Amino acid sequence: MQIPSTKPYIPEVDIKTILKNTEKALRSGRLWNGPFLTEFETEFAKAAGTKHAVGMNSATSVLQTILEYYDVRGREVITPTNTFIATSNAVIFAGGTPVLADMHPQTLCMDPVDLKKRITKKTKGIILVHLGGLITPHIEEIRKIAKKHKLFLVEDGSHAHGASRNGIPAGAWGDAAAFSFYATKVITSGGLGGMLTTNDAKLADYARSVRFHGEGKARGLQERLGNDWSLSEPQAIIGLAQTKRLKEIVKKRMAIAAAYDRAFAKLSHVKLFPLPPKTVHSYYKYLLLLESEEEKKHVAVALKERGVATGSLYWPPCHLQPVYQKKFGYKKGMFSVAEDILSRAMALPMYTGMTKKERDYIVAQVKGVT
């Protein structure tokens, strides 16, 4: 068998709905800023538990918009070293400086102890990434830290559509949040796209302006500098269908993860990342922790030969990326927890439409090579 690391889940009934609505949009001539975008934003705001949602062309654009709204120019924003570099790049694009923080070894998310060490007089805010679809059990502590130091808290929920902790969804914990609809994510809007969620009406209005060249409520009048960061109607149509199916998608991903947990619990050379209580995990990634980096490489090669794709979350981390080493002087050894855990952590295939036959094959191959 050939098992990919991920693929989108769009059932036949949704494909028919998407095609029907796309035809409707094409015939209407309204392919931008139309009724489907409005409906998509409304549905996603409900899923995220916020008053507002603003569709944009990418999560990176959403993050930059939020950071420009909070005016981070000349200031510092703390971000995790364990994330896709786009998270901290957005700080640079907004005129600020990203300050990386180490991760907690059990959650892979930002460690609140290390976070506190990074706060200075120049710190303006924190970006907390819900790595792999997990809302860290330390989020309450991190929120208290932000409040104590009068810092904004932004969630990067690009992995965490439909995730929640103590009943509070990803997107509703901070002052604002950014979600990605890239093709590999839990849900997609046709390969690309992003969404901003917030309870701040002024931020939502600002984002709607910025996504179309800074236009204000009066058409044709640019009130500020903006960009071309809109989400098209065809993308909104796909995103809307995916959002309506989000609870089902997350439920199925959690079932796959639970089956993995049962299968791998007794493997002597592998450790699992347990699910915290009162947590709905969207499982953008499912991770195993191997004993060494060499063992991880060996297992990855062996699984590839057997048709099973694997990945990481993330390796190398931001501070070991060449561009950041040149720009900020980061070196190996500066974030010991991230370097240790991430070099040994392996992501197994995870996609909503995985069949029992495919899952059993993956389990058998992993047991056969570890």
Protein backbone atom coordinates (compact mmCIF):
# COMPACT_ATOMS: atom_id res chain seq x y z
CA MET A 1 0.00 0.00 0.00
CA GLN A 2 0.98 3.64 -0.50
CA ILE A 3 -0.09 5.78 2.46
CA PRO A 4 0.32 9.59 2.20
CA SER A 5 1.07 11.69 5.26
CA THR A 6 -2.13 13.68 4.78
CA LYS A 7 -4.90 14.51 2.32
CA PRO A 8 -8.06 16.61 2.44
CA TYR A 9 -11.43 15.13 3.35
CA ILE A 10 -14.16 16.22 0.93
CA PRO A 11 -16.96 13.64 0.69
CA GLU A 12 -18.87 13.18 -2.56
CA VAL A 13 -21.95 14.94 -1.21
CA ASP A 14 -19.83 18.00 -0.38
CA ILE A 15 -18.20 17.94 -3.81
CA LYS A 16 -21.67 18.15 -5.36
CA THR A 17 -22.59 21.06 -3.09
CA ILE A 18 -19.32 22.83 -3.84
CA LEU A 19 -19.78 22.42 -7.60
CA LYS A 20 -23.39 23.60 -7.40
CA ASN A 21 -22.47 26.70 -5.39
CA THR A 22 -19.44 27.43 -7.56
CA GLU A 23 -21.67 27.34 -10.64
CA LYS A 24 -24.05 29.70 -8.85
CA ALA A 25 -21.19 32.10 -8.09
CA LEU A 26 -19.85 31.91 -11.64
CA ARG A 27 -23.25 32.64 -13.12
CA SER A 28 -23.81 35.52 -10.71
CA GLY A 29 -20.54 37.13 -11.73
CA ARG A 30 -19.70 37.76 -8.08
CA LEU A 31 -16.38 35.95 -7.46
CA TRP A 32 -15.09 38.19 -4.68
CA ASN A 33 -16.52 39.53 -1.40
CA GLY A 34 -19.87 37.92 -1.99
CA PRO A 35 -22.53 36.04 0.00
CA PHE A 36 -20.54 32.81 0.30
CA LEU A 37 -17.64 34.62 2.00
CA THR A 38 -20.09 36.21 4.43
CA GLU A 39 -21.66 32.83 5.22
CA PHE A 40 -18.23 31.20 5.60
CA GLU A 41 -17.13 33.89 8.04
CA THR A 42 -20.36 33.55 10.02
CA GLU A 43 -20.07 29.76 10.30
CA PHE A 44 -16.39 29.89 11.23
CA ALA A 45 -17.00 32.51 13.92
CA LYS A 46 -19.57 30.14 15.46
CA ALA A 47 -17.07 27.27 15.38
CA ALA A 48 -14.36 29.43 16.99
CA GLY A 49 -16.69 30.90 19.60
CA THR A 50 -16.03 34.52 18.59
CA LYS A 51 -18.13 37.48 17.48
CA HIS A 52 -16.12 38.11 14.32
CA ALA A 53 -14.28 36.17 11.62
CA VAL A 54 -12.56 37.72 8.62
CA GLY A 55 -11.48 35.61 5.66
CA MET A 56 -8.11 36.38 4.08
CA ASN A 57 -5.72 34.79 1.60
CA SER A 58 -3.43 33.13 4.19
CA ALA A 59 -2.76 32.74 7.89
CA THR A 60 0.49 34.67 7.42
CA SER A 61 -1.48 37.66 6.13
CA VAL A 62 -3.85 37.32 9.09
CA LEU A 63 -0.97 37.33 11.56
CA GLN A 64 0.67 40.33 9.92
CA THR A 65 -2.65 42.19 9.97
CA ILE A 66 -3.13 41.49 13.68
CA LEU A 67 0.44 42.52 14.50
CA GLU A 68 0.14 45.75 12.51
CA TYR A 69 -3.12 46.51 14.32
CA TYR A 70 -1.29 46.15 17.64
CA ASP A 71 1.59 48.25 16.25
CA VAL A 72 4.58 46.04 17.03
CA ARG A 73 6.99 48.19 15.02
CA GLY A 74 10.21 48.49 17.02
CA ARG A 75 8.90 46.11 19.67
CA GLU A 76 9.34 42.41 20.50
CA VAL A 77 6.84 39.59 20.16
CA ILE A 78 7.51 36.22 21.78
CA THR A 79 6.91 33.24 19.50
CA PRO A 80 7.81 29.55 19.85
CA THR A 81 10.86 28.17 18.13
CA ASN A 82 8.76 25.08 17.42
CA THR A 83 6.52 26.37 14.64
CA PHE A 84 6.53 26.94 10.92
CA ILE A 85 8.70 29.98 10.34
CA ALA A 86 5.74 31.94 8.91
CA THR A 87 4.55 32.59 12.49
CA SER A 88 7.62 34.58 13.47
CA ASN A 89 8.17 35.97 9.96
CA ALA A 90 4.86 37.81 10.33
CA VAL A 91 6.37 39.74 13.25
CA ILE A 92 9.24 40.86 11.02
CA PHE A 93 6.87 41.86 8.20
CA ALA A 94 4.92 43.97 10.73
CA GLY A 95 8.10 45.79 11.77
CA GLY A 96 8.76 43.96 15.03
CA THR A 97 11.34 41.49 16.28
CA PRO A 98 10.42 37.87 17.03
CA VAL A 99 11.90 36.53 20.26
CA LEU A 100 11.87 32.74 20.26
CA ALA A 101 10.93 30.66 23.27
CA ASP A 102 11.52 26.98 24.03
CA MET A 103 8.78 24.37 24.22
CA HIS A 104 7.43 22.06 26.90
CA PRO A 105 8.62 18.46 26.29
CA GLN A 106 5.19 16.88 26.84
CA THR A 107 3.03 19.29 24.82
CA LEU A 108 5.51 20.60 22.21
CA CYS A 109 3.81 23.98 22.78
CA MET A 110 5.35 27.07 24.38
CA ASP A 111 6.76 26.48 27.87
CA PRO A 112 5.39 29.15 30.26
CA VAL A 113 8.54 28.96 32.40
CA ASP A 114 10.76 29.80 29.43
CA LEU A 115 8.23 32.36 28.19
CA LYS A 116 8.59 34.42 31.38
CA LYS A 117 12.37 34.53 30.89
CA ARG A 118 11.93 36.15 27.46
CA ILE A 119 9.78 39.09 28.59
CA THR A 120 11.54 42.48 28.53
CA LYS A 121 10.50 46.14 28.52
CA LYS A 122 10.32 45.90 24.72
CA THR A 123 7.87 42.97 24.69
CA LYS A 124 4.50 43.88 23.17
CA GLY A 125 2.79 40.50 22.90
CA ILE A 126 2.83 36.73 22.63
CA ILE A 127 1.91 34.39 19.79
CA LEU A 128 0.91 30.98 21.11
CA VAL A 129 0.81 28.20 18.51
CA HIS A 130 -1.53 25.26 19.07
CA LEU A 131 1.03 22.76 17.82
CA GLY A 132 -0.32 19.75 16.02
CA GLY A 133 -3.89 20.71 16.97
CA LEU A 134 -3.39 20.74 20.76
CA ILE A 135 -4.47 23.61 22.98
CA THR A 136 -1.79 23.34 25.65
CA PRO A 137 -2.95 22.64 29.23
CA HIS A 138 -0.70 25.58 30.16
CA ILE A 139 -2.86 28.05 28.24
CA GLU A 140 -4.53 29.42 31.36
CA GLU A 141 -1.11 30.13 32.86
CA ILE A 142 0.10 31.75 29.65
CA ARG A 143 -3.00 33.92 29.51
CA LYS A 144 -2.34 35.06 33.10
CA ILE A 145 1.26 35.92 32.20
CA ALA A 146 0.06 38.02 29.27
CA LYS A 147 -2.47 39.85 31.43
CA LYS A 148 0.04 40.49 34.23
CA HIS A 149 2.53 42.09 31.83
CA LYS A 150 -0.17 43.85 29.75
CA LEU A 151 0.73 41.92 26.62
CA PHE A 152 -1.60 40.95 23.81
CA LEU A 153 -2.09 37.21 23.28
CA VAL A 154 -2.56 35.92 19.74
CA GLU A 155 -3.36 32.31 18.94
CA ASP A 156 -1.89 30.72 15.85
CA GLY A 157 -4.60 28.12 15.36
CA SER A 158 -3.40 26.95 11.95
CA HIS A 159 -3.37 23.33 13.19
CA ALA A 160 -6.30 23.55 15.56
CA HIS A 161 -9.59 24.02 13.72
CA GLY A 162 -12.27 22.47 15.93
CA ALA A 163 -9.95 21.94 18.91
CA SER A 164 -11.01 23.03 22.39
CA ARG A 165 -10.01 22.93 26.04
CA ASN A 166 -12.50 23.08 28.90
CA GLY A 167 -15.16 23.78 26.28
CA ILE A 168 -13.43 26.89 24.95
CA PRO A 169 -12.54 26.57 21.24
CA ALA A 170 -9.27 27.44 19.58
CA GLY A 171 -9.67 31.01 18.42
CA ALA A 172 -11.48 32.26 21.53
CA TRP A 173 -8.64 32.15 24.10
CA GLY A 174 -6.66 35.21 23.09
CA ASP A 175 -7.25 38.72 21.81
CA ALA A 176 -7.25 37.36 18.25
CA ALA A 177 -6.37 34.23 16.33
CA ALA A 178 -5.14 33.17 12.91
CA PHE A 179 -6.19 29.99 11.10
CA SER A 180 -4.75 28.47 7.93
CA PHE A 181 -6.69 26.63 5.23
CA TYR A 182 -3.59 25.37 3.43
CA ALA A 183 -4.17 22.10 1.58
CA THR A 184 -2.62 19.93 4.31
CA LYS A 185 -4.52 21.44 7.24
CA VAL A 186 -7.45 19.93 9.18
CA ILE A 187 -9.84 21.75 6.83
CA THR A 188 -9.05 23.65 3.63
CA SER A 189 -10.54 26.34 1.44
CA GLY A 190 -9.15 24.92 -1.76
CA GLY A 191 -5.43 24.80 -1.09
CA LEU A 192 -4.87 28.29 0.32
CA GLY A 193 -6.63 30.74 2.61
CA GLY A 194 -6.77 32.07 6.16
CA MET A 195 -9.20 33.34 8.79
CA LEU A 196 -8.93 35.91 11.56
CA THR A 197 -11.13 35.44 14.63
CA THR A 198 -11.65 37.99 17.39
CA ASN A 199 -14.21 39.65 19.67
CA ASP A 200 -12.70 43.05 18.86
CA ALA A 201 -14.98 44.79 16.34
CA LYS A 202 -12.34 47.44 15.56
CA LEU A 203 -9.77 44.76 14.69
CA ALA A 204 -12.30 42.99 12.45
CA ASP A 205 -13.07 46.24 10.61
CA TYR A 206 -9.35 46.96 10.29
CA ALA A 207 -8.74 43.50 8.79
CA ARG A 208 -11.58 43.89 6.27
CA SER A 209 -10.02 47.18 5.21
CA VAL A 210 -6.44 45.92 5.03
CA ARG A 211 -7.34 42.83 2.99
CA PHE A 212 -8.50 45.11 0.15
CA HIS A 213 -5.89 47.85 -0.17
CA GLY A 214 -7.02 49.78 2.91
CA GLU A 215 -10.47 50.63 1.61
CA GLY A 216 -12.84 51.95 4.25
CA LYS A 217 -16.61 51.70 4.48
CA ALA A 218 -16.95 54.25 1.70
CA ARG A 219 -16.18 52.44 -1.53
CA GLY A 220 -13.16 53.70 -3.43
CA LEU A 221 -11.66 55.60 -0.50
CA GLN A 222 -8.44 54.14 0.91
CA GLU A 223 -8.23 55.08 4.59
CA ARG A 224 -4.92 53.32 5.27
CA LEU A 225 -2.21 51.31 3.56
CA GLY A 226 -3.49 47.86 2.74
CA ASN A 227 -2.80 44.90 0.55
CA ASP A 228 -4.43 42.40 -1.81
CA TRP A 229 -5.22 39.72 0.77
CA SER A 230 -8.79 38.77 -0.06
CA LEU A 231 -10.37 35.31 -0.14
CA SER A 232 -12.31 34.50 -3.32
CA GLU A 233 -15.88 33.19 -3.49
CA PRO A 234 -14.81 29.75 -4.84
CA GLN A 235 -12.41 29.41 -1.90
CA ALA A 236 -15.13 30.51 0.53
CA ILE A 237 -17.50 27.91 -0.95
CA ILE A 238 -15.02 25.11 -0.21
CA GLY A 239 -14.19 26.52 3.23
CA LEU A 240 -17.87 26.79 4.10
CA ALA A 241 -18.51 23.14 3.23
CA GLN A 242 -15.49 22.10 5.28
CA THR A 243 -16.51 24.20 8.29
CA LYS A 244 -19.98 22.68 8.33
CA ARG A 245 -18.32 19.26 8.55
CA LEU A 246 -15.67 20.30 11.09
CA LYS A 247 -17.08 18.45 14.12
CA GLU A 248 -17.23 15.21 12.13
CA ILE A 249 -13.71 15.73 10.82
CA VAL A 250 -12.21 16.27 14.29
CA LYS A 251 -14.17 13.35 15.76
CA LYS A 252 -12.77 11.00 13.11
CA ARG A 253 -9.23 12.27 13.58
CA MET A 254 -9.48 11.74 17.33
CA ALA A 255 -10.71 8.18 16.70
CA ILE A 256 -7.68 7.46 14.50
CA ALA A 257 -5.37 8.90 17.16
CA ALA A 258 -7.03 6.80 19.87
CA ALA A 259 -6.52 3.67 17.77
CA TYR A 260 -2.85 4.60 17.32
CA ASP A 261 -2.54 5.12 21.08
CA ARG A 262 -3.93 1.67 21.82
CA ALA A 263 -1.70 0.04 19.23
CA PHE A 264 1.55 1.69 20.29
CA ALA A 265 1.09 1.94 24.08
CA LYS A 266 3.23 -1.14 24.81
CA LEU A 267 6.06 -0.52 22.34
CA SER A 268 9.23 -0.45 24.42
CA HIS A 269 11.27 1.88 22.17
CA VAL A 270 8.52 4.43 21.54
CA LYS A 271 6.85 7.07 23.73
CA LEU A 272 3.46 8.66 23.12
CA PHE A 273 2.19 12.18 23.73
CA PRO A 274 -0.90 11.59 25.92
CA LEU A 275 -4.12 13.54 25.44
CA PRO A 276 -4.70 15.96 28.35
CA PRO A 277 -8.09 15.79 30.10
CA LYS A 278 -10.97 18.05 28.99
CA THR A 279 -9.29 18.48 25.61
CA VAL A 280 -10.59 18.11 22.08
CA HIS A 281 -7.50 17.63 19.92
CA SER A 282 -7.81 18.18 16.16
CA TYR A 283 -4.70 16.04 15.50
CA TYR A 284 -3.25 17.94 12.58
CA LYS A 285 -0.32 15.65 13.38
CA TYR A 286 0.04 12.43 15.38
CA LEU A 287 3.50 12.04 16.88
CA LEU A 288 5.65 9.23 18.19
CA LEU A 289 8.83 9.91 20.15
CA LEU A 290 11.76 7.65 19.24
CA GLU A 291 14.81 7.01 21.41
CA SER A 292 17.27 8.91 19.21
CA GLU A 293 17.53 10.95 16.04
CA GLU A 294 19.31 8.03 14.39
CA GLU A 295 16.46 5.68 15.31
CA LYS A 296 13.94 8.16 13.90
CA LYS A 297 15.83 8.27 10.59
CA HIS A 298 16.03 4.49 10.48
CA VAL A 299 12.31 4.06 11.12
CA ALA A 300 11.37 6.76 8.61
CA VAL A 301 13.41 5.09 5.86
CA ALA A 302 12.01 1.66 6.69
CA LEU A 303 8.43 2.96 6.63
CA LYS A 304 9.01 4.77 3.35
CA GLU A 305 10.20 1.51 1.80
CA ARG A 306 6.90 -0.01 2.95
CA GLY A 307 4.85 2.80 1.44
CA VAL A 308 4.14 4.77 4.64
CA ALA A 309 4.97 8.49 4.54
CA THR A 310 6.14 10.23 7.72
CA GLY A 311 6.97 13.77 8.77
CA SER A 312 7.87 16.01 11.71
CA LEU A 313 6.54 18.97 13.72
CA TYR A 314 8.89 20.88 13.16
CA TRP A 315 12.42 19.87 12.33
CA PRO A 316 14.55 21.90 12.18
CA PRO A 317 12.90 24.48 14.48
CA CYS A 318 13.03 28.20 13.69
CA HIS A 319 16.30 28.91 15.50
CA LEU A 320 18.14 26.33 13.39
CA GLN A 321 16.82 27.68 10.10
CA PRO A 322 19.70 29.29 8.15
CA VAL A 323 17.88 32.59 7.63
CA TYR A 324 17.36 33.09 11.39
CA GLN A 325 20.87 32.00 12.24
CA LYS A 326 22.18 34.67 9.87
CA LYS A 327 19.69 37.37 10.90
CA PHE A 328 19.55 36.86 14.67
CA GLY A 329 22.66 34.82 15.51
CA TYR A 330 20.81 31.76 16.82
CA LYS A 331 22.97 28.68 17.30
CA LYS A 332 22.54 25.02 18.05
CA GLY A 333 22.16 24.39 21.78
CA MET A 334 20.21 27.57 22.55
CA PHE A 335 16.85 25.76 22.83
CA SER A 336 17.77 22.38 24.26
CA VAL A 337 14.28 20.95 24.79
CA ALA A 338 13.11 21.68 21.26
CA GLU A 339 16.33 20.33 19.75
CA ASP A 340 16.13 17.10 21.75
CA ILE A 341 12.42 16.30 21.32
CA LEU A 342 11.90 17.50 17.77
CA SER A 343 14.91 15.62 16.44
CA ARG A 344 13.29 12.39 17.72
CA ALA A 345 9.60 13.07 17.09
CA MET A 346 8.00 11.44 14.05
CA ALA A 347 4.59 12.26 12.58
CA LEU A 348 2.57 9.32 11.28
CA PRO A 349 -0.05 9.58 8.52
CA MET A 350 -3.18 11.40 9.71
CA TYR A 351 -6.15 12.18 7.51
CA THR A 352 -9.88 12.08 8.14
CA GLY A 353 -10.75 9.65 5.38
CA MET A 354 -8.27 6.98 6.53
CA THR A 355 -9.81 3.51 6.26
CA LYS A 356 -9.44 0.80 8.88
CA LYS A 357 -7.41 -1.21 6.36
CA GLU A 358 -4.99 1.69 5.88
CA ARG A 359 -4.75 2.29 9.62
CA ASP A 360 -4.09 -1.37 10.36
CA TYR A 361 -1.41 -1.43 7.68
CA ILE A 362 0.31 1.62 9.21
CA VAL A 363 0.18 0.06 12.68
CA ALA A 364 1.61 -3.23 11.43
CA GLN A 365 4.48 -1.51 9.64
CA VAL A 366 5.37 0.66 12.62
CA LYS A 367 5.39 -2.36 14.92
CA GLY A 368 7.52 -4.21 12.42
CA VAL A 369 10.30 -1.60 12.29
CA THR A 370 10.46 -0.28 15.88
